C-alpha atoms as a PDB file:
ATOM      1  CA  MET A   1       0.000   0.000   0.000  1.00  0.00           C
ATOM      2  CA  SER A   2       1.411   3.383  -0.968  1.00  0.00           C
ATOM      3  CA  TYR A   3       1.816   6.293   1.422  1.00  0.00           C
ATOM      4  CA  GLU A   4      -0.726   8.339  -0.518  1.00  0.00           C
ATOM      5  CA  VAL A   5      -3.440   5.800   0.253  1.00  0.00           C
ATOM      6  CA  ILE A   6      -2.500   5.660   3.940  1.00  0.00           C
ATOM      7  CA  TRP A   7      -2.607   9.461   4.274  1.00  0.00           C
ATOM      8  CA  ILE A   8      -5.941   9.800   2.456  1.00  0.00           C
ATOM      9  CA  ILE A   9      -7.483   7.021   4.598  1.00  0.00           C
ATOM     10  CA  LEU A  10      -6.224   8.758   7.747  1.00  0.00           C
ATOM     11  CA  CYS A  11      -7.594  12.064   6.452  1.00  0.00           C
ATOM     12  CA  GLY A  12     -10.996  10.543   5.751  1.00  0.00           C
ATOM     13  CA  PHE A  13     -11.116   8.745   9.091  1.00  0.00           C
ATOM     14  CA  CYS A  14     -10.282  11.934  11.043  1.00  0.00           C
ATOM     15  CA  LEU A  15     -12.773  14.091   9.166  1.00  0.00           C
ATOM     16  CA  ILE A  16     -15.591  11.546   9.436  1.00  0.00           C
ATOM     17  CA  ALA A  17     -14.873  10.992  13.136  1.00  0.00           C
ATOM     18  CA  GLU A  18     -14.947  14.778  13.642  1.00  0.00           C
ATOM     19  CA  ILE A  19     -18.516  14.843  12.368  1.00  0.00           C
ATOM     20  CA  PHE A  20     -19.536  12.685  15.314  1.00  0.00           C
ATOM     21  CA  THR A  21     -17.448  14.444  17.987  1.00  0.00           C
ATOM     22  CA  VAL A  22     -17.589  18.129  16.940  1.00  0.00           C
ATOM     23  CA  SER A  23     -14.654  18.861  19.245  1.00  0.00           C
ATOM     24  CA  PHE A  24     -12.295  20.197  16.555  1.00  0.00           C
ATOM     25  CA  LEU A  25      -9.594  17.837  17.806  1.00  0.00           C
ATOM     26  CA  LEU A  26      -9.767  15.399  14.879  1.00  0.00           C
ATOM     27  CA  PHE A  27     -10.404  18.026  12.225  1.00  0.00           C
ATOM     28  CA  PHE A  28      -6.852  19.366  12.280  1.00  0.00           C
ATOM     29  CA  PRO A  29      -5.068  15.985  12.067  1.00  0.00           C
ATOM     30  CA  GLY A  30      -7.388  15.283   9.132  1.00  0.00           C
ATOM     31  CA  ILE A  31      -6.219  18.453   7.387  1.00  0.00           C
ATOM     32  CA  ALA A  32      -2.603  17.651   8.273  1.00  0.00           C
ATOM     33  CA  ALA A  33      -3.036  14.141   6.818  1.00  0.00           C
ATOM     34  CA  PHE A  34      -4.302  15.731   3.600  1.00  0.00           C
ATOM     35  CA  ILE A  35      -1.192  17.952   3.488  1.00  0.00           C
ATOM     36  CA  ALA A  36       0.966  14.850   4.001  1.00  0.00           C
ATOM     37  CA  PHE A  37      -1.018  13.174   1.200  1.00  0.00           C
ATOM     38  CA  LEU A  38      -0.144  16.064  -1.132  1.00  0.00           C
ATOM     39  CA  LEU A  39       3.530  15.768  -0.155  1.00  0.00           C
ATOM     40  CA  ALA A  40       3.381  12.032  -0.907  1.00  0.00           C
ATOM     41  CA  LEU A  41       1.940  12.822  -4.345  1.00  0.00           C
ATOM     42  CA  PHE A  42       5.001  15.003  -5.021  1.00  0.00           C
ATOM     43  CA  ASN A  43       7.290  12.133  -3.987  1.00  0.00           C
ATOM     44  CA  CYS A  44       8.612  13.755  -0.816  1.00  0.00           C
ATOM     45  CA  SER A  45      10.302  11.379   1.605  1.00  0.00           C
ATOM     46  CA  LEU A  46       8.313   9.654   4.328  1.00  0.00           C
ATOM     47  CA  THR A  47      10.282  11.609   6.943  1.00  0.00           C
ATOM     48  CA  VAL A  48       9.179  14.927   5.410  1.00  0.00           C
ATOM     49  CA  GLN A  49       5.568  13.687   5.274  1.00  0.00           C
ATOM     50  CA  ILE A  50       5.566  12.653   8.936  1.00  0.00           C
ATOM     51  CA  ILE A  51       7.260  15.871  10.096  1.00  0.00           C
ATOM     52  CA  ALA A  52       4.776  17.944   8.083  1.00  0.00           C
ATOM     53  CA  PHE A  53       1.847  15.937   9.526  1.00  0.00           C
ATOM     54  CA  ILE A  54       3.023  16.388  13.129  1.00  0.00           C
ATOM     55  CA  ALA A  55       3.996  20.056  12.709  1.00  0.00           C
ATOM     56  CA  CYS A  56       0.746  20.994  10.950  1.00  0.00           C
ATOM     57  CA  THR A  57      -1.366  19.179  13.539  1.00  0.00           C
ATOM     58  CA  ILE A  58       0.368  20.842  16.485  1.00  0.00           C
ATOM     59  CA  LEU A  59       0.383  24.317  14.947  1.00  0.00           C
ATOM     60  CA  MET A  60      -3.282  24.156  13.929  1.00  0.00           C
ATOM     61  CA  ILE A  61      -4.380  22.880  17.340  1.00  0.00           C
ATOM     62  CA  ILE A  62      -2.397  25.586  19.137  1.00  0.00           C
ATOM     63  CA  PHE A  63      -3.228  28.550  16.908  1.00  0.00           C
ATOM     64  CA  ILE A  64      -6.372  27.829  14.895  1.00  0.00           C
ATOM     65  CA  ARG A  65      -8.491  25.653  17.223  1.00  0.00           C
ATOM     66  CA  PRO A  66      -9.110  28.462  19.784  1.00  0.00           C
ATOM     67  CA  LEU A  67     -10.325  30.748  16.985  1.00  0.00           C
ATOM     68  CA  VAL A  68     -12.587  28.077  15.480  1.00  0.00           C
ATOM     69  CA  CYS A  69     -14.020  27.172  18.891  1.00  0.00           C
ATOM     70  CA  LYS A  70     -14.701  30.847  19.576  1.00  0.00           C
ATOM     71  CA  VAL A  71     -16.557  31.258  16.275  1.00  0.00           C
ATOM     72  CA  PHE A  72     -18.646  28.104  16.724  1.00  0.00           C
ATOM     73  CA  LYS A  73     -19.191  28.474  20.473  1.00  0.00           C
ATOM     74  CA  SER A  74     -22.839  28.096  21.370  1.00  0.00           C
ATOM     75  CA  LYS A  75     -24.277  30.460  23.910  1.00  0.00           C
ATOM     76  CA  ASP A  76     -24.996  28.698  27.166  1.00  0.00           C
ATOM     77  CA  VAL A  77     -28.609  28.860  28.159  1.00  0.00           C
ATOM     78  CA  ALA A  78     -29.682  28.268  31.722  1.00  0.00           C
ATOM     79  CA  THR A  79     -31.903  25.238  31.852  1.00  0.00           C
ATOM     80  CA  ASN A  80     -34.040  23.439  34.377  1.00  0.00           C
ATOM     81  CA  SER A  81     -34.057  24.928  37.840  1.00  0.00           C
ATOM     82  CA  ASN A  82     -31.135  27.329  37.247  1.00  0.00           C
ATOM     83  CA  ALA A  83     -33.312  29.192  34.762  1.00  0.00           C
ATOM     84  CA  LEU A  84     -35.670  30.101  37.631  1.00  0.00           C
ATOM     85  CA  ILE A  85     -33.162  32.258  39.507  1.00  0.00           C
ATOM     86  CA  GLY A  86     -34.289  35.872  39.284  1.00  0.00           C
ATOM     87  CA  LYS A  87     -37.859  34.958  38.299  1.00  0.00           C
ATOM     88  CA  THR A  88     -40.906  36.205  40.210  1.00  0.00           C
ATOM     89  CA  GLY A  89     -43.609  33.891  41.484  1.00  0.00           C
ATOM     90  CA  VAL A  90     -46.673  33.748  43.741  1.00  0.00           C
ATOM     91  CA  VAL A  91     -46.800  31.973  47.091  1.00  0.00           C
ATOM     92  CA  LEU A  92     -49.507  29.266  47.038  1.00  0.00           C
ATOM     93  CA  LYS A  93     -48.803  27.897  50.524  1.00  0.00           C
ATOM     94  CA  GLU A  94     -47.350  30.017  53.329  1.00  0.00           C
ATOM     95  CA  ILE A  95     -43.589  29.757  53.712  1.00  0.00           C
ATOM     96  CA  ASN A  96     -42.724  29.310  57.379  1.00  0.00           C
ATOM     97  CA  LYS A  97     -39.222  28.495  58.590  1.00  0.00           C
ATOM     98  CA  ASP A  98     -40.550  26.491  61.573  1.00  0.00           C
ATOM     99  CA  LEU A  99     -43.022  24.342  59.629  1.00  0.00           C
ATOM    100  CA  SER A 100     -42.751  22.527  56.316  1.00  0.00           C
ATOM    101  CA  PRO A 101     -41.638  24.477  53.239  1.00  0.00           C
ATOM    102  CA  GLY A 102     -44.210  26.510  51.376  1.00  0.00           C
ATOM    103  CA  GLN A 103     -45.162  26.311  47.741  1.00  0.00           C
ATOM    104  CA  VAL A 104     -44.551  28.826  44.998  1.00  0.00           C
ATOM    105  CA  LYS A 105     -45.897  28.961  41.452  1.00  0.00           C
ATOM    106  CA  ILE A 106     -43.301  30.185  38.964  1.00  0.00           C
ATOM    107  CA  THR A 107     -43.544  29.996  35.162  1.00  0.00           C
ATOM    108  CA  GLY A 108     -46.592  27.748  35.463  1.00  0.00           C
ATOM    109  CA  GLU A 109     -44.868  25.211  37.718  1.00  0.00           C
ATOM    110  CA  ILE A 110     -45.329  24.611  41.430  1.00  0.00           C
ATOM    111  CA  TRP A 111     -42.156  24.363  43.522  1.00  0.00           C
ATOM    112  CA  SER A 112     -41.393  23.839  47.189  1.00  0.00           C
ATOM    113  CA  ALA A 113     -39.826  26.965  48.582  1.00  0.00           C
ATOM    114  CA  ILE A 114     -38.126  28.274  51.698  1.00  0.00           C
ATOM    115  CA  SER A 115     -37.312  31.817  52.689  1.00  0.00           C
ATOM    116  CA  SER A 116     -33.684  32.762  52.153  1.00  0.00           C
ATOM    117  CA  GLU A 117     -33.983  35.229  55.050  1.00  0.00           C
ATOM    118  CA  GLY A 118     -35.804  32.845  57.408  1.00  0.00           C
ATOM    119  CA  LYS A 119     -38.940  35.010  57.403  1.00  0.00           C
ATOM    120  CA  VAL A 120     -42.566  33.961  57.175  1.00  0.00           C
ATOM    121  CA  ILE A 121     -43.979  34.751  53.726  1.00  0.00           C
ATOM    122  CA  LEU A 122     -47.768  34.802  53.489  1.00  0.00           C
ATOM    123  CA  LYS A 123     -49.940  33.198  50.815  1.00  0.00           C
ATOM    124  CA  ASP A 124     -50.472  35.314  47.662  1.00  0.00           C
ATOM    125  CA  SER A 125     -47.258  37.287  48.258  1.00  0.00           C
ATOM    126  CA  LEU A 126     -44.901  37.889  45.357  1.00  0.00           C
ATOM    127  CA  VAL A 127     -41.436  36.371  45.733  1.00  0.00           C
ATOM    128  CA  THR A 128     -38.217  36.364  43.748  1.00  0.00           C
ATOM    129  CA  VAL A 129     -36.065  33.259  43.427  1.00  0.00           C
ATOM    130  CA  VAL A 130     -32.543  33.963  44.709  1.00  0.00           C
ATOM    131  CA  GLY A 131     -31.129  30.448  44.753  1.00  0.00           C
ATOM    132  CA  ILE A 132     -31.722  26.734  44.988  1.00  0.00           C
ATOM    133  CA  SER A 133     -31.171  24.423  47.938  1.00  0.00           C
ATOM    134  CA  GLY A 134     -31.556  20.791  46.950  1.00  0.00           C
ATOM    135  CA  VAL A 135     -35.009  20.584  45.383  1.00  0.00           C
ATOM    136  CA  LYS A 136     -36.335  23.720  47.093  1.00  0.00           C
ATOM    137  CA  LEU A 137     -36.236  27.257  45.819  1.00  0.00           C
ATOM    138  CA  LEU A 138     -34.737  29.940  48.032  1.00  0.00           C
ATOM    139  CA  VAL A 139     -36.988  32.973  47.751  1.00  0.00           C
ATOM    140  CA  GLU A 140     -37.206  36.541  49.016  1.00  0.00           C
ATOM    141  CA  GLU A 141     -40.442  38.424  49.432  1.00  0.00           C
ATOM    142  CA  LYS A 142     -41.193  41.357  47.163  1.00  0.00           C
ATOM    143  CA  ASN A 143     -42.982  44.320  48.700  1.00  0.00           C
ATOM    144  CA  GLU A 144     -46.016  44.058  46.363  1.00  0.00           C
ATOM    145  CA  GLU A 145     -49.161  41.943  46.845  1.00  0.00           C
ATOM    146  CA  VAL A 146     -51.054  40.086  44.076  1.00  0.00           C
END
């Protein structure tokens, strides 16, 4: 098997594997393998091909990968319970630090809630979510009533 075939197989393998990983770690060795393939077509020695492959891979990972990752970086979106922090809700069941946790309705969902300040918060009061403790929301009372 000639070196050209080996380099083009390696190139194809890296680029196809990159499709499934999307990490930009296999993309650059795939490009470097293609460069080595071109060198093999021009009858360069195997040593030159290997050095070019290694050098191109390292240089592209060091200098180009951060730029590519920055361009294709997806914006992180808060999901699940973390998305509730800062939201306002209505107390459905009184929140009392001495008794069981209260209940709050936020974005159409009912959550168990405790006061972050240890205060009693009456039913129908507006609250703001300031954090999460286990499966309970930590809330603070707003000054307005529903």
